Protein backbone atom coordinates (compact mmCIF):
# COMPACT_ATOMS: atom_id res chain seq x y z
CA UNK A 1 -40.38 -40.88 148.34
CA UNK A 2 -37.46 -41.86 145.92
CA UNK A 3 -34.04 -40.63 147.05
CA UNK A 4 -31.67 -39.25 144.41
CA UNK A 5 -28.33 -38.56 146.36
CA UNK A 6 -27.63 -37.45 149.92
CA UNK A 7 -23.80 -37.03 150.60
CA UNK A 8 -21.42 -34.52 152.95
CA UNK A 9 -19.48 -31.50 151.24
CA UNK A 10 -16.43 -29.46 151.37
CA UNK A 11 -15.28 -26.86 149.26
CA UNK A 12 -13.53 -30.13 147.60
CA UNK A 13 -16.62 -31.46 146.54
CA UNK A 14 -18.64 -27.97 145.27
CA UNK A 15 -18.05 -28.55 141.93
CA UNK A 16 -18.49 -32.12 141.46
CA UNK A 17 -21.76 -32.24 143.76
CA UNK A 18 -22.79 -29.20 141.60
CA UNK A 19 -23.07 -31.84 138.70
CA UNK A 20 -24.40 -34.40 140.50
CA UNK A 21 -27.50 -32.13 141.43
CA UNK A 22 -27.84 -31.59 137.42
CA UNK A 23 -27.72 -34.98 136.66
CA UNK A 24 -30.16 -36.29 139.09
CA UNK A 25 -32.66 -33.50 138.98
CA UNK A 26 -32.47 -33.98 134.75
CA UNK A 27 -33.52 -37.26 135.40
CA UNK A 28 -35.88 -36.73 137.72
CA UNK A 29 -37.51 -34.24 134.08
CA UNK A 30 -36.25 -30.90 135.13
CA UNK A 31 -35.38 -29.70 131.61
CA UNK A 32 -34.28 -25.73 130.56
CA UNK A 33 -33.87 -22.84 132.79
CA UNK A 34 -36.26 -24.59 135.43
CA UNK A 35 -32.98 -27.07 135.87
CA UNK A 36 -30.27 -24.48 135.92
CA UNK A 37 -32.11 -22.39 138.13
CA UNK A 38 -32.82 -25.58 140.76
CA UNK A 39 -28.66 -26.19 140.05
CA UNK A 40 -27.87 -22.87 140.79
CA UNK A 41 -30.07 -22.08 143.91
CA UNK A 42 -28.28 -25.81 145.40
CA UNK A 43 -25.07 -24.83 144.83
CA UNK A 44 -25.81 -21.64 146.14
CA UNK A 45 -26.98 -22.73 149.15
CA UNK A 46 -23.82 -25.42 149.44
CA UNK A 47 -21.68 -22.17 149.68
CA UNK A 48 -23.23 -21.03 151.36
CA UNK A 49 -22.72 -23.58 153.84
CA UNK A 50 -18.94 -23.95 152.73
CA UNK A 51 -17.93 -20.40 153.07
CA UNK A 52 -20.41 -19.13 156.62
CA UNK A 53 -20.92 -22.74 158.86
CA UNK A 54 -17.65 -24.28 159.13
CA UNK A 55 -16.49 -25.60 155.68
CA UNK A 56 -18.72 -28.48 155.23
CA UNK A 57 -22.03 -29.81 155.42
CA UNK A 58 -24.60 -32.18 154.13
CA UNK A 59 -26.76 -31.92 151.14
CA UNK A 60 -30.22 -34.92 150.25
CA UNK A 61 -31.69 -34.50 147.16
CA UNK A 62 -35.15 -36.79 146.34
CA UNK A 63 -38.57 -36.42 144.56
CA UNK A 64 -41.81 -37.21 146.15
CA UNK A 65 -45.38 -36.49 143.94
CA UNK A 66 -44.12 -34.29 141.60
CA UNK A 67 -42.14 -32.36 143.32
CA UNK A 68 -37.91 -32.31 143.89
CA UNK A 69 -36.11 -31.07 147.16
CA UNK A 70 -32.83 -30.70 147.94
CA UNK A 71 -31.62 -30.35 151.79
CA UNK A 72 -28.68 -28.64 152.95
CA UNK A 73 -27.79 -29.07 156.61
CA UNK A 74 -24.74 -27.13 158.03
CA UNK A 75 -23.11 -27.27 161.79
CA UNK A 76 -22.89 -23.46 161.77
CA UNK A 77 -24.21 -20.20 163.97
CA UNK A 78 -27.06 -20.10 161.87
CA UNK A 79 -27.85 -17.07 159.82
CA UNK A 80 -28.83 -13.49 160.73
CA UNK A 81 -31.89 -12.02 160.83
CA UNK A 82 -31.39 -9.89 158.64
CA UNK A 83 -30.57 -11.36 156.18
CA UNK A 84 -33.55 -14.01 156.38
CA UNK A 85 -35.74 -10.39 156.97
CA UNK A 86 -34.45 -9.12 153.06
CA UNK A 87 -36.84 -10.20 150.43
CA UNK A 88 -34.64 -7.48 147.60
CA UNK A 89 -31.51 -7.64 145.96
CA UNK A 90 -28.70 -5.88 148.17
CA UNK A 91 -27.09 -3.31 146.69
CA UNK A 92 -24.09 -3.35 144.18
CA UNK A 93 -21.28 -2.77 146.85
CA UNK A 94 -22.82 -4.87 149.46
CA UNK A 95 -20.14 -7.43 150.72
CA UNK A 96 -22.67 -10.27 150.57
CA UNK A 97 -26.72 -11.01 150.98
CA UNK A 98 -27.86 -12.18 147.52
CA UNK A 99 -27.39 -15.78 147.56
CA UNK A 100 -30.45 -16.43 150.06
CA UNK A 101 -32.25 -13.52 147.63
CA UNK A 102 -31.44 -15.60 144.53
CA UNK A 103 -32.47 -19.27 146.32
CA UNK A 104 -35.88 -17.64 146.98
CA UNK A 105 -35.96 -15.93 143.04
CA UNK A 106 -34.89 -19.34 141.70
CA UNK A 107 -36.91 -22.09 143.28
CA UNK A 108 -40.80 -22.82 143.76
CA UNK A 109 -40.06 -22.97 146.88
CA UNK A 110 -37.27 -22.25 149.55
CA UNK A 111 -37.26 -22.07 153.50
CA UNK A 112 -34.81 -21.67 156.09
CA UNK A 113 -34.74 -23.30 159.54
CA UNK A 114 -31.79 -21.49 161.37
CA UNK A 115 -30.14 -20.93 164.53
CA UNK A 116 -27.46 -21.30 166.65
CA UNK A 117 -26.60 -25.45 166.51
CA UNK A 118 -26.97 -24.91 162.84
CA UNK A 119 -29.19 -23.93 159.74
CA UNK A 120 -31.42 -26.34 157.10
CA UNK A 121 -32.41 -24.84 153.47
CA UNK A 122 -35.01 -26.73 151.44
CA UNK A 123 -35.65 -25.92 148.50
CA UNK A 124 -38.42 -27.33 145.64
CA UNK A 125 -39.59 -27.19 142.81
CA UNK A 126 -42.24 -29.07 140.62
CA UNK A 127 -41.12 -31.10 137.97
CA UNK A 128 -42.14 -30.18 134.65
CA UNK A 129 -43.52 -26.50 133.75
CA UNK A 130 -43.81 -23.92 135.93
CA UNK A 131 -47.44 -23.47 137.26
CA UNK A 132 -48.09 -20.96 139.70
CA UNK A 133 -49.52 -17.96 139.45
CA UNK A 134 -48.15 -14.68 141.00
CA UNK A 135 -47.70 -14.85 144.56
CA UNK A 136 -48.12 -18.28 144.94
CA UNK A 137 -46.71 -20.32 146.80
CA UNK A 138 -45.90 -24.24 147.18
CA UNK A 139 -46.10 -25.55 151.22
CA UNK A 140 -45.54 -28.46 152.76
CA UNK A 141 -47.31 -31.19 155.46
CA UNK A 142 -44.50 -32.07 158.34
CA UNK A 143 -44.05 -35.14 156.06
CA UNK A 144 -42.79 -32.92 153.60
CA UNK A 145 -46.01 -33.85 150.74
CA UNK A 146 -47.05 -30.17 148.75
CA UNK A 147 -49.96 -28.95 150.55
CA UNK A 148 -51.88 -26.01 150.25
CA UNK A 149 -50.31 -23.90 151.62
CA UNK A 150 -48.25 -23.36 155.08
CA UNK A 151 -44.56 -24.57 156.66
CA UNK A 152 -43.03 -28.03 155.88
CA UNK A 153 -41.73 -27.93 159.25
């Protein structure tokens, strides 16, 4: 495992953190649209923590076995179930709900652990070109290493 970044953040850190994530991910081997997708997804998870979970959080970025991981944690009250269950783009008139949809669409895998003491969002992207087939998901073992399927927790 190679740690790339670990940082607490507030609203004041969001822009700088986005640039740091982009630099770390690019140095690790992401490029083109995959780099842009990963950076946007991480940005969405950070902004969600700032906007909905008390204005602060923690981001950790690392690589292991050809996969880059970003983990955002916060101490908010959790994500409402209806947002996690939604797997389609909300209506144009919806006030919120696009962030989780985008995160899921942009990354190879995204998992959410949420409850009354906070939320952890783990985003993953294989380094190099996209190789998954239709409907294939990257799964993770308890150690956080890629596996054949299943949950990372």
